[in-house]
Amino acid sequence: MKKYFALILTFVLILTCFAACKPSIKDGTLVTEFGGKNHAAVTEADGGIKRDEAGNIIVLETDSNGKNVKDENGNYVTNPVGIDHALVIGNTIEMPEYSVQIPNGWSNSVSFENLVISRDGTADTLTISVIGDKSVADVIKERSTVINMTTSTYENVVTESKGVNVGEKEANLLSAFVPDANGAQVYLCYIIFEHAGNVYSCMLNSNTDISSTVPEVLEILGTINFVR
């Protein structure tokens, strides 16, 4: 049981390769995604990727030499392209359903299917997962099982369950602090809310009690820019 719980708490340490670069390109930025595929993405004034109403990124059509293609009227040709994983451009992480600006003092970690950022110089990690095939109640029940597992596995566990706000959205917070998990400290917190039919399960974890930083994390989550 202890080994199983340890695996749950440390899964975010699995390494994933992701690279991003952005040499100059007319009216856009070149984004290299996982696997080496390039997109000449059109960017907004704030540096974020331009999207259509369906959430597709808008890319500039380029020729074999990487130069912009123009139509018969002299306008740059663009096309919508769907994305199904993270694109990191500067201090912005673009996900299929939303985007987030990486806050000061944090860095992108291994964002791909999920968004993952880490507080610089610490083991504090925030992972945002989007679940489209379950209800909020179902996700809360699943995460509660993990939290409850700590109380039956370790001693002196401090747990918390309460309602919080993510921006204007109501959310549920579940957390546990294990002061001695086989010689190590573990903090695990889930913040769960719903938007546009999707459940957002946000996991904050660290190797020390960081419950006092939850308000900061709620502020970060409150800056999510939903695409749909």
Protein backbone atom coordinates (compact mmCIF):
# COMPACT_ATOMS: atom_id res chain seq x y z
CA MET A 1 0.00 0.00 0.00
CA LYS A 2 2.81 2.43 0.88
CA LYS A 3 4.57 1.71 -2.40
CA TYR A 4 1.32 2.32 -4.30
CA PHE A 5 0.76 5.66 -2.57
CA ALA A 6 4.37 6.68 -3.24
CA LEU A 7 3.90 5.98 -6.93
CA ILE A 8 0.81 8.20 -7.03
CA LEU A 9 2.63 11.07 -5.35
CA THR A 10 5.75 10.90 -7.52
CA PHE A 11 4.34 10.25 -10.98
CA VAL A 12 5.02 13.83 -12.05
CA LEU A 13 8.74 13.14 -11.85
CA ILE A 14 8.56 11.05 -15.01
CA LEU A 15 10.66 12.86 -17.59
CA THR A 16 9.20 13.94 -20.92
CA CYS A 17 11.09 15.63 -23.74
CA PHE A 18 9.71 18.90 -25.05
CA ALA A 19 11.50 21.66 -26.97
CA ALA A 20 10.42 25.11 -28.09
CA CYS A 21 12.21 27.75 -30.14
CA LYS A 22 11.10 30.93 -31.82
CA PRO A 23 13.28 32.48 -34.49
CA SER A 24 11.88 35.54 -36.24
CA ILE A 25 9.07 35.04 -38.72
CA LYS A 26 6.86 37.69 -40.29
CA ASP A 27 3.76 38.32 -38.13
CA GLY A 28 4.25 35.16 -36.11
CA THR A 29 6.59 32.87 -34.24
CA LEU A 30 8.02 29.48 -35.15
CA VAL A 31 6.93 26.86 -32.63
CA THR A 32 8.70 23.49 -32.53
CA GLU A 33 6.49 20.95 -30.82
CA PHE A 34 7.20 17.51 -29.40
CA GLY A 35 8.54 15.30 -32.18
CA GLY A 36 10.12 18.20 -34.08
CA LYS A 37 7.11 19.39 -36.09
CA ASN A 38 7.17 23.15 -36.75
CA HIS A 39 4.27 25.60 -36.81
CA ALA A 40 4.58 29.21 -37.97
CA ALA A 41 1.97 30.32 -35.45
CA VAL A 42 0.28 33.72 -35.64
CA THR A 43 0.62 35.55 -32.33
CA GLU A 44 -1.52 38.15 -30.60
CA ALA A 45 -0.20 41.48 -29.33
CA ASP A 46 0.38 39.97 -25.88
CA GLY A 47 2.51 37.17 -27.34
CA GLY A 48 -0.10 34.44 -27.06
CA ILE A 49 -1.09 32.25 -29.98
CA LYS A 50 -4.03 33.40 -32.09
CA ARG A 51 -6.88 30.89 -32.17
CA ASP A 52 -10.20 30.48 -33.93
CA GLU A 53 -13.55 29.85 -32.22
CA ALA A 54 -12.92 26.09 -32.22
CA GLY A 55 -9.63 26.51 -30.34
CA ASN A 56 -7.42 25.72 -33.34
CA ILE A 57 -4.20 27.70 -33.58
CA ILE A 58 -3.82 29.93 -36.62
CA VAL A 59 -0.62 29.24 -38.54
CA LEU A 60 1.03 31.02 -41.44
CA GLU A 61 1.51 28.95 -44.57
CA THR A 62 5.18 28.81 -45.55
CA ASP A 63 7.02 27.52 -48.60
CA SER A 64 9.87 25.00 -48.71
CA ASN A 65 12.30 27.78 -47.75
CA GLY A 66 10.29 28.75 -44.67
CA LYS A 67 9.04 32.03 -46.18
CA ASN A 68 5.48 33.29 -45.84
CA VAL A 69 3.08 32.49 -48.67
CA LYS A 70 0.83 35.27 -49.97
CA ASP A 71 -2.44 35.02 -51.89
CA GLU A 72 -3.27 36.88 -55.09
CA ASN A 73 -4.19 39.96 -53.06
CA GLY A 74 -0.87 40.07 -51.26
CA ASN A 75 -2.24 38.84 -47.93
CA TYR A 76 -0.46 36.18 -45.91
CA VAL A 77 -2.14 32.78 -46.18
CA THR A 78 -3.18 31.23 -42.86
CA ASN A 79 -4.72 27.90 -41.87
CA PRO A 80 -6.24 26.53 -38.64
CA VAL A 81 -4.38 23.65 -36.98
CA GLY A 82 -5.69 21.64 -34.04
CA ILE A 83 -3.42 20.98 -31.07
CA ASP A 84 -3.77 18.12 -28.60
CA HIS A 85 -0.91 18.87 -26.19
CA ALA A 86 1.10 21.70 -24.67
CA LEU A 87 2.87 24.33 -26.72
CA VAL A 88 5.25 26.52 -24.71
CA ILE A 89 5.92 29.93 -26.20
CA GLY A 90 7.97 32.29 -24.08
CA ASN A 91 6.19 32.61 -20.74
CA THR A 92 2.89 31.23 -22.05
CA ILE A 93 1.77 27.61 -22.09
CA GLU A 94 -0.92 26.92 -24.68
CA MET A 95 -3.13 23.89 -24.05
CA PRO A 96 -6.01 22.63 -26.25
CA GLU A 97 -8.68 24.05 -23.91
CA TYR A 98 -6.89 26.98 -22.27
CA SER A 99 -3.66 28.93 -21.85
CA VAL A 100 -1.71 30.14 -18.82
CA GLN A 101 1.07 32.66 -18.43
CA ILE A 102 3.85 31.15 -16.33
CA PRO A 103 3.96 33.25 -13.14
CA ASN A 104 7.15 34.86 -11.87
CA GLY A 105 9.18 32.41 -9.79
CA TRP A 106 7.78 29.39 -11.63
CA SER A 107 8.96 27.50 -14.73
CA ASN A 108 7.51 25.05 -17.19
CA SER A 109 8.42 21.53 -16.09
CA VAL A 110 7.24 18.66 -18.31
CA SER A 111 4.04 20.06 -19.82
CA PHE A 112 2.65 17.85 -22.56
CA GLU A 113 -0.70 16.12 -22.10
CA ASN A 114 -1.07 18.02 -18.81
CA LEU A 115 0.23 21.44 -17.85
CA VAL A 116 3.05 21.12 -15.30
CA ILE A 117 4.90 24.02 -13.72
CA SER A 118 7.35 24.02 -10.80
CA ARG A 119 8.32 26.72 -8.33
CA ASP A 120 11.96 27.63 -8.94
CA GLY A 121 14.42 26.13 -6.47
CA THR A 122 11.82 23.94 -4.76
CA ALA A 123 10.00 20.64 -5.18
CA ASP A 124 6.64 22.48 -5.42
CA THR A 125 4.78 21.31 -8.53
CA LEU A 126 1.41 22.28 -9.96
CA THR A 127 -0.21 19.93 -12.49
CA ILE A 128 -3.43 20.80 -14.31
CA SER A 129 -5.40 17.97 -15.91
CA VAL A 130 -8.57 18.39 -17.98
CA ILE A 131 -11.09 15.56 -17.72
CA GLY A 132 -13.92 15.55 -20.22
CA ASP A 133 -15.66 12.25 -19.54
CA LYS A 134 -16.39 12.46 -15.81
CA SER A 135 -18.45 14.64 -13.50
CA VAL A 136 -17.06 16.86 -10.76
CA ALA A 137 -18.54 14.47 -8.20
CA ASP A 138 -16.78 11.50 -9.80
CA VAL A 139 -13.40 13.26 -9.82
CA ILE A 140 -13.81 14.44 -6.22
CA LYS A 141 -14.61 10.88 -5.19
CA GLU A 142 -11.50 9.54 -6.93
CA ARG A 143 -9.21 12.18 -5.45
CA SER A 144 -10.78 11.69 -2.01
CA THR A 145 -9.82 8.02 -2.22
CA VAL A 146 -6.18 9.01 -2.62
CA ILE A 147 -6.39 11.49 0.27
CA ASN A 148 -8.12 8.93 2.49
CA MET A 149 -5.45 6.40 1.66
CA THR A 150 -2.90 8.57 3.44
CA THR A 151 -4.81 8.49 6.72
CA SER A 152 -4.99 4.70 6.69
CA THR A 153 -1.36 4.28 5.65
CA TYR A 154 0.51 6.89 7.70
CA GLU A 155 0.21 8.42 11.17
CA ASN A 156 -0.37 12.06 12.14
CA VAL A 157 -1.70 13.00 8.71
CA VAL A 158 -3.27 16.47 8.50
CA THR A 159 -6.14 16.60 6.00
CA GLU A 160 -8.40 19.38 4.80
CA SER A 161 -11.56 19.54 2.71
CA LYS A 162 -13.27 22.82 1.89
CA GLY A 163 -14.78 25.03 -0.78
CA VAL A 164 -12.59 27.67 -2.45
CA ASN A 165 -12.86 30.06 -5.38
CA VAL A 166 -10.88 29.92 -8.61
CA GLY A 167 -11.57 33.33 -10.05
CA GLU A 168 -15.38 33.47 -10.10
CA LYS A 169 -15.72 29.69 -10.14
CA GLU A 170 -16.56 27.58 -7.12
CA ALA A 171 -14.04 24.81 -6.50
CA ASN A 172 -13.37 21.99 -4.07
CA LEU A 173 -10.06 21.63 -2.23
CA LEU A 174 -8.80 18.33 -0.79
CA SER A 175 -5.38 18.09 0.82
CA ALA A 176 -3.17 15.94 3.01
CA PHE A 177 0.16 16.58 4.68
CA VAL A 178 2.15 13.51 5.71
CA PRO A 179 4.89 14.54 8.19
CA ASP A 180 6.62 11.16 7.99
CA ALA A 181 6.15 9.02 4.88
CA ASN A 182 8.96 6.51 5.34
CA GLY A 183 11.35 9.26 6.43
CA ALA A 184 10.08 11.93 4.01
CA GLN A 185 7.46 14.65 4.15
CA VAL A 186 4.70 14.77 1.54
CA TYR A 187 2.14 17.46 0.77
CA LEU A 188 -0.65 16.69 -1.70
CA CYS A 189 -3.52 19.00 -2.62
CA TYR A 190 -6.27 18.77 -5.25
CA ILE A 191 -8.29 21.77 -6.43
CA ILE A 192 -11.21 20.69 -8.60
CA PHE A 193 -13.65 22.81 -10.61
CA GLU A 194 -15.68 22.72 -13.81
CA HIS A 195 -15.68 24.84 -16.95
CA ALA A 196 -17.64 24.31 -20.17
CA GLY A 197 -18.39 20.69 -19.37
CA ASN A 198 -14.79 19.80 -18.52
CA VAL A 199 -13.48 19.03 -15.04
CA TYR A 200 -10.19 20.71 -14.13
CA SER A 201 -8.23 18.68 -11.58
CA CYS A 202 -5.30 20.73 -10.32
CA MET A 203 -2.73 18.91 -8.20
CA LEU A 204 -0.24 20.74 -5.98
CA ASN A 205 2.44 18.60 -4.37
CA SER A 206 5.77 19.04 -2.60
CA ASN A 207 8.18 17.49 -0.13
CA THR A 208 7.22 19.89 2.66
CA ASP A 209 4.07 21.50 4.05
CA ILE A 210 3.16 24.24 1.57
CA SER A 211 -0.46 24.70 2.62
CA SER A 212 0.28 28.40 3.18
CA THR A 213 0.95 28.82 -0.56
CA VAL A 214 -2.53 27.65 -1.61
CA PRO A 215 -3.85 31.26 -1.96
CA GLU A 216 -1.03 31.97 -4.43
CA VAL A 217 -1.90 28.84 -6.41
CA LEU A 218 -5.58 29.85 -6.47
CA GLU A 219 -4.52 33.19 -7.94
CA ILE A 220 -2.50 31.39 -10.63
CA LEU A 221 -5.48 29.20 -11.51
CA GLY A 222 -7.67 32.31 -11.59
CA THR A 223 -5.58 33.68 -14.50
CA ILE A 224 -6.41 30.74 -16.79
CA ASN A 225 -7.54 32.00 -20.19
CA PHE A 226 -10.14 29.51 -21.41
CA VAL A 227 -10.22 28.91 -25.14
CA ARG A 228 -13.56 27.11 -25.02
